[in-house]
Amino acid sequence: MSEYTQAFIDHLTRLAEKNADRGALAALRHSLAFPPGRYPKAYPYVERFVPSEWHAEDGRRLALYAVAGLWARHPSSRGASLAASFGELMRLRDNAPSIEQRFIALLGADAEGVMDHLRQAIGLLAAEGLGLDYARFLSDLQVWLSPSEAYAGHTDQLDRIRQRWARDFYRAQQGPAAPATETNDHTDLAQ
């Protein structure tokens, strides 16, 4: 994880610590009702982390807004990927088929539809108190939310992320003995 990504996650953590800034968390949660980066009241909490060379629709910028809103909804971090946490959720809910169906729909979502699925996923994780590794999540989302022309090999990169998420989900669903995968198939914000 880059220092830049860590600084952003630390910023979100400070906002959530003991409800340090309830107005900020409320604004970030409310930003989820809008496309990422389109809710002006969230700008003071995110825009300071957006380098000047990133345009308004840059996937890295959109990912910052998406993660900030989702974090504000469920500020619980741990060393498990979103997919591994979701697999654990399925196991905790006695392998409920609806959880797997939601996960498959999430994997199939495009940049325009992924936020709807992520809001639902984070809500379900929050209900069970399952956190996730937001830094890794941020790195994955910057690819997912980017226009395909932004990255050489974007489709391949997004496919690798989806495949890693699928592995993490099904391994976690099988039980705690299955470790989450750790690969470097994503691009970090600092690049």
C-alpha atoms as a PDB file:
ATOM      1  CA  MET A   1       0.000   0.000   0.000  1.00  0.00           C
ATOM      2  CA  SER A   2       1.313   3.421  -0.874  1.00  0.00           C
ATOM      3  CA  GLU A   3       1.807   6.194   1.658  1.00  0.00           C
ATOM      4  CA  TYR A   4      -0.835   8.129  -0.254  1.00  0.00           C
ATOM      5  CA  THR A   5      -3.437   5.388   0.173  1.00  0.00           C
ATOM      6  CA  GLN A   6      -2.524   4.984   3.841  1.00  0.00           C
ATOM      7  CA  ALA A   7      -2.882   8.743   4.406  1.00  0.00           C
ATOM      8  CA  PHE A   8      -6.394   8.651   2.943  1.00  0.00           C
ATOM      9  CA  ILE A   9      -7.447   5.660   5.040  1.00  0.00           C
ATOM     10  CA  ASP A  10      -5.936   7.310   8.137  1.00  0.00           C
ATOM     11  CA  HIS A  11      -7.951  10.459   7.337  1.00  0.00           C
ATOM     12  CA  LEU A  12     -11.169   8.427   7.193  1.00  0.00           C
ATOM     13  CA  THR A  13     -10.240   6.656  10.415  1.00  0.00           C
ATOM     14  CA  ARG A  14      -9.754   9.971  12.213  1.00  0.00           C
ATOM     15  CA  LEU A  15     -13.177  11.145  11.012  1.00  0.00           C
ATOM     16  CA  ALA A  16     -14.794   8.003  12.433  1.00  0.00           C
ATOM     17  CA  GLU A  17     -12.898   7.784  15.727  1.00  0.00           C
ATOM     18  CA  LYS A  18     -15.374   8.398  18.513  1.00  0.00           C
ATOM     19  CA  ASN A  19     -17.594  10.180  15.985  1.00  0.00           C
ATOM     20  CA  ALA A  20     -14.956  12.907  15.775  1.00  0.00           C
ATOM     21  CA  ASP A  21     -16.776  14.623  12.940  1.00  0.00           C
ATOM     22  CA  ARG A  22     -20.370  13.473  12.736  1.00  0.00           C
ATOM     23  CA  GLY A  23     -21.138  16.036  10.039  1.00  0.00           C
ATOM     24  CA  ALA A  24     -18.378  14.667   7.848  1.00  0.00           C
ATOM     25  CA  LEU A  25     -19.554  11.081   8.271  1.00  0.00           C
ATOM     26  CA  ALA A  26     -23.138  12.111   7.528  1.00  0.00           C
ATOM     27  CA  ALA A  27     -22.076  13.979   4.383  1.00  0.00           C
ATOM     28  CA  LEU A  28     -19.984  11.032   3.200  1.00  0.00           C
ATOM     29  CA  ARG A  29     -22.808   8.564   3.878  1.00  0.00           C
ATOM     30  CA  HIS A  30     -25.256  10.803   2.033  1.00  0.00           C
ATOM     31  CA  SER A  31     -22.841  11.005  -0.897  1.00  0.00           C
ATOM     32  CA  LEU A  32     -23.708   7.355  -1.626  1.00  0.00           C
ATOM     33  CA  ALA A  33     -27.069   8.571  -2.991  1.00  0.00           C
ATOM     34  CA  PHE A  34     -25.144  10.236  -5.838  1.00  0.00           C
ATOM     35  CA  PRO A  35     -22.616   9.010  -8.385  1.00  0.00           C
ATOM     36  CA  PRO A  36     -19.113   9.070  -6.839  1.00  0.00           C
ATOM     37  CA  GLY A  37     -17.628  12.557  -6.771  1.00  0.00           C
ATOM     38  CA  ARG A  38     -20.901  14.362  -7.485  1.00  0.00           C
ATOM     39  CA  TYR A  39     -22.045  15.397  -4.002  1.00  0.00           C
ATOM     40  CA  PRO A  40     -20.551  18.811  -3.150  1.00  0.00           C
ATOM     41  CA  LYS A  41     -20.869  18.404   0.633  1.00  0.00           C
ATOM     42  CA  ALA A  42     -18.375  15.508   0.439  1.00  0.00           C
ATOM     43  CA  TYR A  43     -15.744  17.594  -1.386  1.00  0.00           C
ATOM     44  CA  PRO A  44     -14.093  19.034   1.763  1.00  0.00           C
ATOM     45  CA  TYR A  45     -13.318  15.533   3.031  1.00  0.00           C
ATOM     46  CA  VAL A  46     -12.027  13.963  -0.179  1.00  0.00           C
ATOM     47  CA  GLU A  47     -10.897  16.570  -2.701  1.00  0.00           C
ATOM     48  CA  ARG A  48      -7.732  17.396  -0.708  1.00  0.00           C
ATOM     49  CA  PHE A  49      -6.516  13.900  -1.656  1.00  0.00           C
ATOM     50  CA  VAL A  50      -7.159  14.366  -5.384  1.00  0.00           C
ATOM     51  CA  PRO A  51      -4.048  15.465  -7.293  1.00  0.00           C
ATOM     52  CA  SER A  52      -4.586  18.331  -9.718  1.00  0.00           C
ATOM     53  CA  GLU A  53      -3.806  16.175 -12.753  1.00  0.00           C
ATOM     54  CA  TRP A  54      -6.750  13.826 -12.086  1.00  0.00           C
ATOM     55  CA  HIS A  55      -9.815  14.840 -14.087  1.00  0.00           C
ATOM     56  CA  ALA A  56     -13.366  14.725 -12.709  1.00  0.00           C
ATOM     57  CA  GLU A  57     -14.086  11.240 -14.093  1.00  0.00           C
ATOM     58  CA  ASP A  58     -10.714   9.722 -13.227  1.00  0.00           C
ATOM     59  CA  GLY A  59     -11.310   6.288 -11.689  1.00  0.00           C
ATOM     60  CA  ARG A  60      -8.845   7.037  -8.913  1.00  0.00           C
ATOM     61  CA  ARG A  61     -10.865  10.121  -7.909  1.00  0.00           C
ATOM     62  CA  LEU A  62     -14.156   8.255  -8.143  1.00  0.00           C
ATOM     63  CA  ALA A  63     -12.736   5.425  -6.035  1.00  0.00           C
ATOM     64  CA  LEU A  64     -11.760   7.876  -3.285  1.00  0.00           C
ATOM     65  CA  TYR A  65     -15.350   9.137  -3.115  1.00  0.00           C
ATOM     66  CA  ALA A  66     -16.823   5.638  -3.267  1.00  0.00           C
ATOM     67  CA  VAL A  67     -14.602   4.322  -0.485  1.00  0.00           C
ATOM     68  CA  ALA A  68     -15.176   7.424   1.662  1.00  0.00           C
ATOM     69  CA  GLY A  69     -18.946   6.986   1.456  1.00  0.00           C
ATOM     70  CA  LEU A  70     -18.822   3.251   2.072  1.00  0.00           C
ATOM     71  CA  TRP A  71     -16.380   3.739   4.955  1.00  0.00           C
ATOM     72  CA  ALA A  72     -18.710   6.289   6.542  1.00  0.00           C
ATOM     73  CA  ARG A  73     -21.512   3.737   6.295  1.00  0.00           C
ATOM     74  CA  HIS A  74     -19.413   0.976   7.904  1.00  0.00           C
ATOM     75  CA  PRO A  75     -16.079   2.144   9.387  1.00  0.00           C
ATOM     76  CA  SER A  76     -14.779  -1.270  10.307  1.00  0.00           C
ATOM     77  CA  SER A  77     -11.413  -2.250   8.938  1.00  0.00           C
ATOM     78  CA  ARG A  78      -9.661  -5.600   9.106  1.00  0.00           C
ATOM     79  CA  GLY A  79      -7.189  -7.547   7.005  1.00  0.00           C
ATOM     80  CA  ALA A  80      -9.770  -9.311   4.837  1.00  0.00           C
ATOM     81  CA  SER A  81     -10.827  -8.390   1.336  1.00  0.00           C
ATOM     82  CA  LEU A  82     -14.413  -7.351   0.668  1.00  0.00           C
ATOM     83  CA  ALA A  83     -14.943 -10.680  -1.090  1.00  0.00           C
ATOM     84  CA  ALA A  84     -13.507 -12.707   1.801  1.00  0.00           C
ATOM     85  CA  SER A  85     -15.715 -10.845   4.252  1.00  0.00           C
ATOM     86  CA  PHE A  86     -18.709 -11.474   2.011  1.00  0.00           C
ATOM     87  CA  GLY A  87     -17.814 -15.183   1.832  1.00  0.00           C
ATOM     88  CA  GLU A  88     -17.631 -15.256   5.613  1.00  0.00           C
ATOM     89  CA  LEU A  89     -21.047 -13.567   5.714  1.00  0.00           C
ATOM     90  CA  MET A  90     -22.468 -16.350   3.535  1.00  0.00           C
ATOM     91  CA  ARG A  91     -20.997 -18.974   5.860  1.00  0.00           C
ATOM     92  CA  LEU A  92     -22.393 -17.186   8.920  1.00  0.00           C
ATOM     93  CA  ARG A  93     -25.807 -17.119   7.295  1.00  0.00           C
ATOM     94  CA  ASP A  94     -25.804 -20.872   6.678  1.00  0.00           C
ATOM     95  CA  ASN A  95     -24.807 -20.564   3.023  1.00  0.00           C
ATOM     96  CA  ALA A  96     -27.867 -18.512   2.115  1.00  0.00           C
ATOM     97  CA  PRO A  97     -28.137 -18.602  -1.693  1.00  0.00           C
ATOM     98  CA  SER A  98     -29.199 -14.946  -1.781  1.00  0.00           C
ATOM     99  CA  ILE A  99     -25.735 -13.904  -0.537  1.00  0.00           C
ATOM    100  CA  GLU A 100     -24.036 -15.782  -3.362  1.00  0.00           C
ATOM    101  CA  GLN A 101     -26.495 -14.324  -5.885  1.00  0.00           C
ATOM    102  CA  ARG A 102     -25.697 -10.814  -4.666  1.00  0.00           C
ATOM    103  CA  PHE A 103     -21.989 -11.532  -4.917  1.00  0.00           C
ATOM    104  CA  ILE A 104     -22.275 -12.869  -8.475  1.00  0.00           C
ATOM    105  CA  ALA A 105     -24.290  -9.770  -9.433  1.00  0.00           C
ATOM    106  CA  LEU A 106     -21.567  -7.593  -7.897  1.00  0.00           C
ATOM    107  CA  LEU A 107     -18.876  -9.372  -9.901  1.00  0.00           C
ATOM    108  CA  GLY A 108     -20.839  -8.822 -13.106  1.00  0.00           C
ATOM    109  CA  ALA A 109     -21.473  -5.127 -12.481  1.00  0.00           C
ATOM    110  CA  ASP A 110     -19.955  -2.478 -14.693  1.00  0.00           C
ATOM    111  CA  ALA A 111     -18.608   0.883 -13.539  1.00  0.00           C
ATOM    112  CA  GLU A 112     -22.069   2.481 -13.639  1.00  0.00           C
ATOM    113  CA  GLY A 113     -23.796  -0.252 -11.627  1.00  0.00           C
ATOM    114  CA  VAL A 114     -21.170  -1.416  -9.187  1.00  0.00           C
ATOM    115  CA  MET A 115     -21.983   1.195  -6.533  1.00  0.00           C
ATOM    116  CA  ASP A 116     -25.540  -0.108  -6.091  1.00  0.00           C
ATOM    117  CA  HIS A 117     -24.165  -3.568  -5.384  1.00  0.00           C
ATOM    118  CA  LEU A 118     -21.422  -2.251  -3.110  1.00  0.00           C
ATOM    119  CA  ARG A 119     -23.877  -0.248  -0.993  1.00  0.00           C
ATOM    120  CA  GLN A 120     -25.894  -3.428  -0.444  1.00  0.00           C
ATOM    121  CA  ALA A 121     -22.785  -5.502   0.274  1.00  0.00           C
ATOM    122  CA  ILE A 122     -21.428  -3.029   2.820  1.00  0.00           C
ATOM    123  CA  GLY A 123     -24.848  -2.822   4.468  1.00  0.00           C
ATOM    124  CA  LEU A 124     -24.936  -6.608   4.866  1.00  0.00           C
ATOM    125  CA  LEU A 125     -21.381  -6.683   6.225  1.00  0.00           C
ATOM    126  CA  ALA A 126     -22.247  -3.910   8.680  1.00  0.00           C
ATOM    127  CA  ALA A 127     -25.248  -5.888   9.926  1.00  0.00           C
ATOM    128  CA  GLU A 128     -22.905  -8.760  10.865  1.00  0.00           C
ATOM    129  CA  GLY A 129     -20.064  -6.522  12.075  1.00  0.00           C
ATOM    130  CA  LEU A 130     -17.647  -7.771   9.395  1.00  0.00           C
ATOM    131  CA  GLY A 131     -15.017  -5.267   8.284  1.00  0.00           C
ATOM    132  CA  LEU A 132     -12.713  -5.249   5.305  1.00  0.00           C
ATOM    133  CA  ASP A 133      -9.362  -3.997   4.067  1.00  0.00           C
ATOM    134  CA  TYR A 134     -10.366  -0.591   2.711  1.00  0.00           C
ATOM    135  CA  ALA A 135      -6.916   0.176   1.286  1.00  0.00           C
ATOM    136  CA  ARG A 136      -6.993  -2.904  -0.913  1.00  0.00           C
ATOM    137  CA  PHE A 137     -10.620  -2.191  -1.754  1.00  0.00           C
ATOM    138  CA  LEU A 138      -9.634   1.320  -2.841  1.00  0.00           C
ATOM    139  CA  SER A 139      -6.959  -0.051  -5.173  1.00  0.00           C
ATOM    140  CA  ASP A 140      -9.424  -2.444  -6.777  1.00  0.00           C
ATOM    141  CA  LEU A 141     -12.134   0.170  -7.182  1.00  0.00           C
ATOM    142  CA  GLN A 142      -9.867   2.631  -8.939  1.00  0.00           C
ATOM    143  CA  VAL A 143      -9.599   0.115 -11.782  1.00  0.00           C
ATOM    144  CA  TRP A 144     -13.281  -0.843 -11.670  1.00  0.00           C
ATOM    145  CA  LEU A 145     -14.461   2.776 -11.846  1.00  0.00           C
ATOM    146  CA  SER A 146     -12.009   3.862 -14.539  1.00  0.00           C
ATOM    147  CA  PRO A 147     -12.936   4.273 -18.170  1.00  0.00           C
ATOM    148  CA  SER A 148     -11.430   1.373 -20.098  1.00  0.00           C
ATOM    149  CA  GLU A 149      -9.098   3.672 -22.023  1.00  0.00           C
ATOM    150  CA  ALA A 150      -7.501   4.872 -18.766  1.00  0.00           C
ATOM    151  CA  TYR A 151      -5.421   1.722 -18.274  1.00  0.00           C
ATOM    152  CA  ALA A 152      -3.619  -0.360 -20.826  1.00  0.00           C
ATOM    153  CA  GLY A 153      -5.066  -3.825 -20.422  1.00  0.00           C
ATOM    154  CA  HIS A 154      -7.992  -2.475 -18.351  1.00  0.00           C
ATOM    155  CA  THR A 155     -10.259  -5.405 -19.221  1.00  0.00           C
ATOM    156  CA  ASP A 156      -7.584  -7.923 -18.245  1.00  0.00           C
ATOM    157  CA  GLN A 157      -6.851  -6.052 -15.040  1.00  0.00           C
ATOM    158  CA  LEU A 158     -10.540  -5.887 -14.092  1.00  0.00           C
ATOM    159  CA  ASP A 159     -10.962  -9.585 -14.931  1.00  0.00           C
ATOM    160  CA  ARG A 160      -8.039 -10.448 -12.618  1.00  0.00           C
ATOM    161  CA  ILE A 161      -9.645  -8.431  -9.815  1.00  0.00           C
ATOM    162  CA  ARG A 162     -12.969 -10.215 -10.342  1.00  0.00           C
ATOM    163  CA  GLN A 163     -11.234 -13.600 -10.354  1.00  0.00           C
ATOM    164  CA  ARG A 164      -9.328 -12.761  -7.150  1.00  0.00           C
ATOM    165  CA  TRP A 165     -12.567 -11.650  -5.512  1.00  0.00           C
ATOM    166  CA  ALA A 166     -14.234 -14.916  -6.561  1.00  0.00           C
ATOM    167  CA  ARG A 167     -11.363 -16.952  -5.080  1.00  0.00           C
ATOM    168  CA  ASP A 168     -11.479 -14.948  -1.845  1.00  0.00           C
ATOM    169  CA  PHE A 169     -15.263 -15.333  -1.582  1.00  0.00           C
ATOM    170  CA  TYR A 170     -15.392 -19.072  -2.124  1.00  0.00           C
ATOM    171  CA  ARG A 171     -12.386 -19.798   0.079  1.00  0.00           C
ATOM    172  CA  ALA A 172     -13.835 -17.751   2.932  1.00  0.00           C
ATOM    173  CA  GLN A 173     -17.213 -19.383   2.461  1.00  0.00           C
ATOM    174  CA  GLN A 174     -15.580 -22.792   3.003  1.00  0.00           C
ATOM    175  CA  GLY A 175     -14.188 -21.830   6.374  1.00  0.00           C
ATOM    176  CA  PRO A 176     -11.468 -20.040   8.304  1.00  0.00           C
ATOM    177  CA  ALA A 177      -8.692 -22.414   7.220  1.00  0.00           C
ATOM    178  CA  ALA A 178      -8.783 -20.937   3.715  1.00  0.00           C
ATOM    179  CA  PRO A 179      -6.564 -17.818   3.581  1.00  0.00           C
ATOM    180  CA  ALA A 180      -7.489 -14.845   1.414  1.00  0.00           C
ATOM    181  CA  THR A 181      -5.319 -14.374  -1.634  1.00  0.00           C
ATOM    182  CA  GLU A 182      -2.763 -11.620  -1.769  1.00  0.00           C
ATOM    183  CA  THR A 183      -1.605 -10.654  -5.209  1.00  0.00           C
ATOM    184  CA  ASN A 184      -0.252  -7.549  -6.811  1.00  0.00           C
ATOM    185  CA  ASP A 185      -2.598  -7.480  -9.785  1.00  0.00           C
ATOM    186  CA  HIS A 186      -3.881  -3.997  -9.065  1.00  0.00           C
ATOM    187  CA  THR A 187      -2.598  -0.532  -9.648  1.00  0.00           C
ATOM    188  CA  ASP A 188      -1.957   1.631  -6.629  1.00  0.00           C
ATOM    189  CA  LEU A 189      -3.128   5.223  -6.343  1.00  0.00           C
ATOM    190  CA  ALA A 190       0.392   6.555  -6.141  1.00  0.00           C
ATOM    191  CA  GLN A 191       1.144   5.559  -9.722  1.00  0.00           C
END
